[in-house]
Structure formats: C-alpha cells, structure tokens
Protein backbone atom coordinates (compact mmCIF):
# COMPACT_ATOMS: atom_id res chain seq x y z
CA MET A 1 8.00 -32.91 73.25
CA ASP A 2 4.48 -33.16 71.81
CA ALA A 3 2.82 -36.35 70.65
CA LEU A 4 3.66 -35.77 66.99
CA GLU A 5 7.36 -35.64 67.79
CA GLN A 6 7.18 -38.39 70.42
CA ARG A 7 6.18 -41.00 67.85
CA TRP A 8 9.64 -40.70 66.27
CA ARG A 9 11.15 -41.52 69.68
CA ASP A 10 8.91 -44.53 70.27
CA PRO A 11 11.04 -47.63 70.92
CA ALA A 12 8.97 -49.74 68.48
CA PHE A 13 9.51 -47.21 65.68
CA LEU A 14 13.22 -46.94 66.41
CA ALA A 15 13.65 -50.74 66.44
CA ALA A 16 11.81 -51.10 63.12
CA ALA A 17 13.78 -48.26 61.58
CA HIS A 18 17.13 -49.73 62.69
CA THR A 19 16.16 -53.13 61.28
CA TRP A 20 15.16 -51.52 57.96
CA ILE A 21 18.39 -49.51 57.84
CA ASP A 22 20.56 -52.59 58.42
CA ALA A 23 18.68 -54.58 55.74
CA ARG A 24 19.04 -51.80 53.16
CA LEU A 25 22.75 -51.34 53.93
CA ARG A 26 23.31 -55.07 53.37
CA GLU A 27 21.62 -54.76 49.96
CA LEU A 28 24.02 -51.94 49.19
CA GLY A 29 27.01 -54.03 50.27
CA ARG A 30 27.60 -51.88 53.31
CA SER A 31 27.15 -52.22 57.04
CA ARG A 32 26.62 -50.08 60.08
CA THR A 33 29.79 -49.47 62.08
CA GLY A 34 28.43 -47.55 65.05
CA GLU A 35 25.38 -46.39 66.88
CA VAL A 36 22.54 -44.63 65.05
CA SER A 37 21.90 -41.10 66.36
CA GLN A 38 18.78 -39.04 65.86
CA PRO A 39 19.73 -35.32 65.58
CA HIS A 40 16.61 -34.20 63.80
CA VAL A 41 13.07 -34.60 65.10
CA THR A 42 10.02 -32.49 64.12
CA GLY A 43 6.32 -33.08 64.14
CA TRP A 44 6.42 -34.13 60.49
CA SER A 45 9.74 -35.95 60.04
CA THR A 46 12.85 -37.37 61.59
CA ALA A 47 16.39 -37.91 60.34
CA MET A 48 18.95 -40.37 61.78
CA ARG A 49 22.69 -40.37 61.24
CA VAL A 50 24.09 -43.83 60.40
CA PRO A 51 27.88 -44.41 60.50
CA THR A 52 29.10 -46.86 57.81
CA GLY A 53 32.85 -46.86 58.12
CA ASP A 54 34.60 -43.97 56.41
CA ASP A 55 31.35 -42.07 55.81
CA VAL A 56 27.75 -41.81 57.00
CA VAL A 57 24.32 -42.17 55.46
CA TRP A 58 21.09 -40.65 56.65
CA PHE A 59 17.73 -42.27 57.31
CA LYS A 60 14.62 -40.13 56.90
CA ALA A 61 11.01 -40.84 57.73
CA ASN A 62 8.13 -38.49 56.97
CA ASP A 63 4.59 -37.96 58.19
CA GLU A 64 1.89 -39.54 56.04
CA ALA A 65 1.33 -36.23 54.23
CA MET A 66 4.93 -36.35 52.93
CA VAL A 67 5.42 -40.09 52.28
CA HIS A 68 5.69 -39.27 48.60
CA GLU A 69 9.02 -37.42 49.03
CA ALA A 70 11.23 -40.44 48.32
CA ALA A 71 9.51 -41.32 45.04
CA VAL A 72 9.46 -37.65 44.01
CA LEU A 73 13.18 -37.41 44.76
CA ASP A 74 13.81 -40.35 42.46
CA LEU A 75 12.02 -38.62 39.60
CA VAL A 76 13.36 -35.12 40.14
CA ALA A 77 16.92 -36.43 40.64
CA SER A 78 16.77 -38.03 37.22
CA ARG A 79 16.14 -34.59 35.67
CA SER A 80 18.55 -32.59 37.85
CA HIS A 81 21.97 -33.29 36.29
CA GLY A 82 23.33 -34.23 39.72
CA ARG A 83 21.82 -31.34 41.67
CA VAL A 84 19.21 -33.41 43.49
CA PRO A 85 20.57 -36.62 45.02
CA ALA A 86 18.36 -39.68 44.59
CA PRO A 87 17.80 -41.90 47.64
CA LEU A 88 20.24 -44.77 48.04
CA ALA A 89 17.23 -46.87 48.99
CA HIS A 90 13.59 -46.21 49.77
CA ASP A 91 10.35 -48.03 50.63
CA PRO A 92 7.40 -46.96 48.47
CA ALA A 93 4.82 -47.82 51.14
CA SER A 94 6.32 -46.08 54.16
CA GLY A 95 8.41 -43.47 52.35
CA TRP A 96 11.42 -44.38 54.48
CA MET A 97 14.68 -43.67 52.73
CA LEU A 98 18.43 -43.75 52.97
CA LEU A 99 20.39 -40.74 51.68
CA ALA A 100 24.06 -40.15 51.12
CA ASP A 101 25.68 -37.54 53.29
CA ALA A 102 25.55 -34.21 51.37
CA GLY A 103 28.38 -32.41 53.12
CA THR A 104 28.26 -28.93 54.59
CA ARG A 105 25.15 -26.79 54.66
CA LEU A 106 25.15 -23.46 52.85
CA ARG A 107 23.90 -21.97 56.12
CA ASP A 108 27.15 -22.88 57.79
CA VAL A 109 29.37 -21.53 55.02
CA ILE A 110 27.80 -18.13 54.49
CA PRO A 111 28.92 -16.63 57.85
CA GLU A 112 32.54 -17.65 57.04
CA GLU A 113 32.53 -16.42 53.44
CA ARG A 114 30.50 -13.27 54.16
CA SER A 115 28.84 -13.58 50.81
CA LEU A 116 25.59 -14.81 49.25
CA GLU A 117 27.10 -15.26 45.79
CA ARG A 118 26.71 -19.05 45.98
CA TRP A 119 22.98 -18.48 45.68
CA HIS A 120 23.46 -17.46 42.02
CA ASP A 121 24.42 -21.01 41.10
CA VAL A 122 21.75 -22.52 43.31
CA LEU A 123 18.99 -20.40 41.81
CA GLU A 124 20.07 -21.11 38.24
CA ALA A 125 20.20 -24.83 39.04
CA CYS A 126 16.70 -24.64 40.60
CA ALA A 127 15.31 -23.02 37.46
CA ARG A 128 16.92 -25.65 35.24
CA ILE A 129 15.41 -28.45 37.33
CA GLN A 130 11.98 -26.88 37.10
CA ILE A 131 12.18 -26.52 33.35
CA ALA A 132 13.40 -30.10 33.01
CA CYS A 133 10.37 -31.36 34.98
CA GLU A 134 7.71 -29.43 33.03
CA GLY A 135 6.71 -32.59 31.21
CA ASP A 136 6.38 -34.61 34.43
CA VAL A 137 3.44 -32.87 36.04
CA ASP A 138 1.04 -35.79 35.69
CA ALA A 139 3.61 -38.21 37.00
CA LEU A 140 4.41 -36.00 39.97
CA LEU A 141 0.74 -35.63 40.85
CA ASP A 142 0.31 -39.40 40.58
CA LEU A 143 3.14 -39.84 43.06
CA GLY A 144 1.21 -37.69 45.55
CA LEU A 145 2.73 -34.25 45.14
CA PRO A 146 0.17 -31.58 46.19
CA ASP A 147 -1.56 -29.73 43.39
CA ARG A 148 -1.04 -25.99 43.89
CA ARG A 149 -1.40 -24.98 40.27
CA LEU A 150 -2.84 -21.57 39.48
CA PRO A 151 -6.46 -22.70 38.99
CA THR A 152 -6.48 -24.32 42.45
CA LEU A 153 -5.07 -21.36 44.37
CA PRO A 154 -8.06 -18.98 44.78
CA GLY A 155 -10.25 -21.69 46.26
CA ALA A 156 -7.49 -22.96 48.53
CA TYR A 157 -6.85 -19.42 49.69
CA ALA A 158 -10.53 -18.94 50.49
CA ASP A 159 -10.59 -22.16 52.52
CA LEU A 160 -7.45 -21.03 54.38
CA LEU A 161 -8.95 -17.68 55.33
CA ALA A 162 -12.03 -19.44 56.65
CA ALA A 163 -9.89 -21.75 58.79
CA VAL A 164 -7.45 -19.25 60.33
CA ASP A 165 -8.53 -16.64 62.90
CA ASP A 166 -7.06 -13.13 63.33
CA THR A 167 -5.67 -12.76 59.83
CA ASP A 168 -4.59 -9.33 58.57
CA PRO A 169 -7.74 -7.29 57.68
CA ARG A 170 -5.90 -5.95 54.59
CA LEU A 171 -5.98 -9.40 52.97
CA PRO A 172 -8.02 -9.35 49.74
CA GLY A 173 -10.71 -11.81 48.83
CA PRO A 174 -10.30 -14.81 46.52
CA ASP A 175 -11.28 -12.74 43.47
CA ALA A 176 -8.07 -10.71 43.80
CA ILE A 177 -6.03 -13.91 44.01
CA GLU A 178 -7.80 -15.23 40.93
CA ASP A 179 -6.97 -12.03 39.05
CA LEU A 180 -3.28 -12.34 39.95
CA CYS A 181 -3.32 -16.00 38.89
CA ASP A 182 -4.88 -15.11 35.55
CA ARG A 183 -2.28 -12.38 34.97
CA LEU A 184 0.55 -14.79 35.77
CA ALA A 185 -0.92 -17.57 33.59
CA ALA A 186 -1.04 -15.16 30.63
CA PHE A 187 2.75 -15.24 30.35
CA GLY A 188 2.56 -18.92 29.34
CA ILE A 189 5.23 -20.30 31.67
CA ARG A 190 4.48 -23.96 32.35
CA GLU A 191 3.82 -25.24 35.85
CA THR A 192 6.13 -27.84 37.29
CA VAL A 193 7.74 -29.12 40.46
CA GLN A 194 8.35 -26.37 43.01
CA HIS A 195 10.43 -26.89 46.20
CA ASP A 196 8.35 -24.41 48.23
CA ASP A 197 10.88 -24.13 51.09
CA LEU A 198 14.25 -23.52 49.45
CA HIS A 199 16.40 -21.88 52.11
CA ASP A 200 20.04 -22.08 53.15
CA GLY A 201 19.42 -25.10 55.41
CA GLN A 202 18.26 -27.13 52.40
CA VAL A 203 21.32 -26.46 50.21
CA PHE A 204 24.47 -28.51 50.73
CA LEU A 205 27.93 -28.20 49.23
CA GLY A 206 28.37 -31.91 48.47
CA THR A 207 31.83 -32.49 46.99
CA GLY A 208 31.90 -29.10 45.29
CA THR A 209 28.44 -28.95 43.68
CA HIS A 210 25.54 -27.23 45.36
CA LEU A 211 22.84 -29.84 46.10
CA LEU A 212 19.18 -29.09 46.64
CA HIS A 213 17.80 -31.25 49.42
CA ASP A 214 14.56 -31.83 51.41
CA TRP A 215 11.72 -31.89 48.92
CA GLY A 216 9.11 -32.86 51.50
CA ASP A 217 7.31 -29.53 51.12
CA ALA A 218 7.41 -29.62 47.32
CA CYS A 219 4.26 -29.21 45.22
CA VAL A 220 3.22 -28.78 41.62
CA SER A 221 2.74 -25.07 41.04
CA HIS A 222 3.96 -22.10 39.03
CA PRO A 223 7.78 -22.27 39.19
CA PHE A 224 8.18 -18.60 40.14
CA PHE A 225 6.48 -19.28 43.48
CA THR A 226 9.85 -20.49 44.73
CA LEU A 227 11.09 -16.88 44.65
CA ALA A 228 8.94 -15.98 47.64
CA VAL A 229 10.77 -18.01 50.27
CA THR A 230 14.17 -17.96 48.62
CA LEU A 231 14.44 -14.29 47.63
CA GLU A 232 12.21 -12.44 50.12
CA GLY A 233 12.31 -14.95 52.99
CA VAL A 234 16.04 -15.68 52.96
CA ILE A 235 18.36 -13.81 50.60
CA ALA A 236 16.87 -10.34 51.22
CA TRP A 237 18.04 -10.61 54.84
CA GLY A 238 21.68 -10.74 53.79
CA VAL A 239 24.69 -12.18 55.57
CA ASP A 240 23.83 -10.61 58.92
CA ASP A 241 20.07 -11.29 58.96
CA GLU A 242 19.21 -7.64 58.41
CA GLU A 243 16.04 -6.83 56.52
CA ASP A 244 16.51 -5.63 52.91
CA SER A 245 20.31 -5.70 53.23
CA GLU A 246 20.95 -7.67 50.00
CA ASP A 247 20.41 -6.53 46.43
CA LEU A 248 18.02 -9.12 44.98
CA GLY A 249 18.66 -8.11 41.36
CA PRO A 250 21.66 -10.34 40.61
CA HIS A 251 19.93 -13.28 42.32
CA LEU A 252 16.77 -12.82 40.24
CA ASP A 253 18.89 -12.51 37.10
CA ALA A 254 20.58 -15.85 37.88
CA TYR A 255 17.23 -17.56 38.37
CA LEU A 256 15.64 -16.13 35.24
CA ARG A 257 18.60 -16.89 32.97
CA PRO A 258 17.37 -20.42 32.07
CA TYR A 259 13.86 -19.06 31.45
CA GLU A 260 15.23 -16.42 29.08
CA ALA A 261 16.75 -19.26 27.06
CA ALA A 262 13.74 -21.54 27.22
CA TYR A 263 10.91 -19.03 26.60
CA ASP A 264 10.40 -16.41 23.91
CA LEU A 265 9.55 -13.67 26.36
CA ALA A 266 10.92 -10.15 26.69
CA SER A 267 13.05 -9.50 29.76
CA ALA A 268 10.50 -7.03 31.10
CA ASP A 269 7.71 -9.68 30.80
CA LEU A 270 9.78 -12.26 32.66
CA ARG A 271 10.45 -9.81 35.44
CA GLU A 272 6.79 -8.86 35.71
CA ALA A 273 5.89 -12.55 35.86
CA ALA A 274 8.53 -12.98 38.62
CA ARG A 275 7.07 -10.06 40.53
CA ILE A 276 3.55 -11.55 40.49
CA GLY A 277 4.90 -15.01 41.12
CA THR A 278 6.80 -13.85 44.18
CA ARG A 279 3.65 -12.32 45.67
CA LEU A 280 1.49 -15.38 44.91
CA GLY A 281 4.30 -17.62 46.15
CA TRP A 282 3.47 -16.59 49.73
CA VAL A 283 -0.16 -17.56 49.16
CA CYS A 284 1.02 -20.97 47.92
CA ARG A 285 3.38 -21.30 50.91
CA ALA A 286 0.61 -20.38 53.33
CA VAL A 287 -1.71 -22.97 51.81
CA ASN A 288 0.88 -25.68 51.24
CA GLY A 289 2.56 -25.36 54.62
CA ALA A 290 -0.49 -24.74 56.77
CA LEU A 291 -0.46 -26.72 60.01
CA PRO A 292 -3.47 -26.55 62.38
CA GLN A 293 -1.10 -26.51 65.37
CA ASP A 294 0.84 -23.54 63.94
CA PRO A 295 -1.52 -20.78 62.74
CA GLY A 296 1.15 -18.17 63.48
CA SER A 297 3.30 -19.33 60.56
CA THR A 298 0.26 -19.07 58.26
CA ARG A 299 -0.41 -15.53 59.38
CA THR A 300 3.24 -14.59 58.83
CA ARG A 301 3.21 -15.98 55.28
CA LEU A 302 0.02 -14.06 54.50
CA ARG A 303 1.64 -10.86 55.75
CA MET A 304 4.61 -11.66 53.49
CA PHE A 305 2.14 -11.81 50.59
CA LEU A 306 1.00 -8.27 51.48
CA ASP A 307 4.26 -6.61 52.33
CA GLY A 308 7.20 -8.82 51.33
CA LYS A 309 8.25 -8.84 54.99
CA PRO A 310 6.82 -10.37 58.20
C-alpha cells in the first residue's frame, strides 16, 4: 500500500473518524451497534461501513482535491428529485460525510438480469439533473467544483500534453480542440454539473429508484461530456464486457429525451452535439482525472478521444 493509501489506515485518522462518526450519529438520534469496517481505500478517498442496528450508514473522506464533494452533493441532491442522496451529515472543513446505505450496485445486478435496459432510466435521470442545475454554475464553482467549461478546455489540454510523455502521435494540437469546443458551443446547450465518471459502480438501486452516487470527480462542463465514460467507456461493452456489443442508440435516445423537451433544437442537431460532446468528453476526463502517479490512465483516455476505444 502506497503512502497516499496508508494515510487512511493511520491510527490517528481512524480514531478521529470514529469519534466524528459517533458524534454525528448521536445528533441524528442513532448509535453505532458494531465495529466500523473499512472496505474501500484508494489514494484519493476511503469509505467505512458503520452498523447502526437494522441498517448501516457509510462514512466517506476525500483527498483535499475532492473535499468539496459533500457540499456539492447537498446542492445537486436538492435539484435531483430523489436521484442523488444528500449526506446525512457532513463537515464543511474536512469534507467528511455520512451517507445512507444505497442498496445494491447496478454492476452486481446486470450479470443476473443480462440486460442494460436499466441504463435508460439512469441516463434520463442524469440529463434531468444536469438541466435542473444549469442555473447553479456559479454556486458550484464557489463550492470548489473544477471548471472544465468549453473555453478552459484547449488550454488545459495543451498543459496536459506537455506534462505526459509518450502520448499518441495522432493527437491534434490545442487548435483542433478549440475548434471542436466552438462547434459544440454553437448549439447553445448550457454548461452545468457533470459527473465525469458515471459507471455501473456508481449507480445503486436504493429501494427501487436508481441513485447516482460518488460525485467526487464531478466538474462544471458541457453536460454531454458525460456520454464519453457512460456510453463508450461502459455501456458499449455490453453485458459480457465485449467491445461494441451493445447498441448505443436507445441509450442515447433516453439521455437526449429531456434535452429535446428543454431546448428548441432539431433531433439531428442534438445528435451532432452529442457526437462532438462524446469526443470532447474524453479530453475533459483526461484533464479532470489526471493523476501524476497514473499517466497510463491519461494516455488511455486520450486514445478514447481518438478512437472511442482504448
């Protein structure tokens, strides 16, 4: 385990976290009824399972770069019509939070159901959340959400290419990214919150409603950037993880349905915007998710920008 992960195992951190958990539970009129376990540890976050009688809650702590997640969750949850659960409690300074258990992951259900049809509802809900948050851009940025809006992307892309070795020689220069950004901006679709890592491990079934979790990688960007990871990075691989084994058309239709209602755009224009947004979404993901210790992931995302596959 590297040093970034080891900090989450440090006895002093664990003792402080357990004390904070117990205090927040008392404020909620609840109490811990068993030992806290720590099933999730990465370099950037940790999650702990906390038994509280008949159910469990989850504690989450993030790296400094993602401390804003709890406050962002509060705002986005208020616009989500129950699709994004707000924290039960959170600390604005540390970003520590308690979350209700969200039930079964979509990732665990798909192999049993042998279908990706649940994604239709998830994608439509995602689009509705993004539309509902269009007026909250300034507030989201004030909370610390990264700014990946179209005017910022060419410069961020140039900086990324300068920082990463051995990138694909086919990658265009920043001027080409600026041209794509200008073409996408011309459709007039407003920028908003964007999850930036919406995959089947972030969607939970709750008590019958698909819930969109883990907004630590979220940013303010063009909404259609979410299609990169979700459509090309996940759904296109189908039930059996086979490349290009799923028809993306019905999934894209489900996502675009709220935009067809909200914007006076022809269907062909929306689909062209989605095509450009999907390509640029990989640039956004490469920039937004870049980790110095993991240049391989950045290279893969830039190849996805070129080819739609790793």
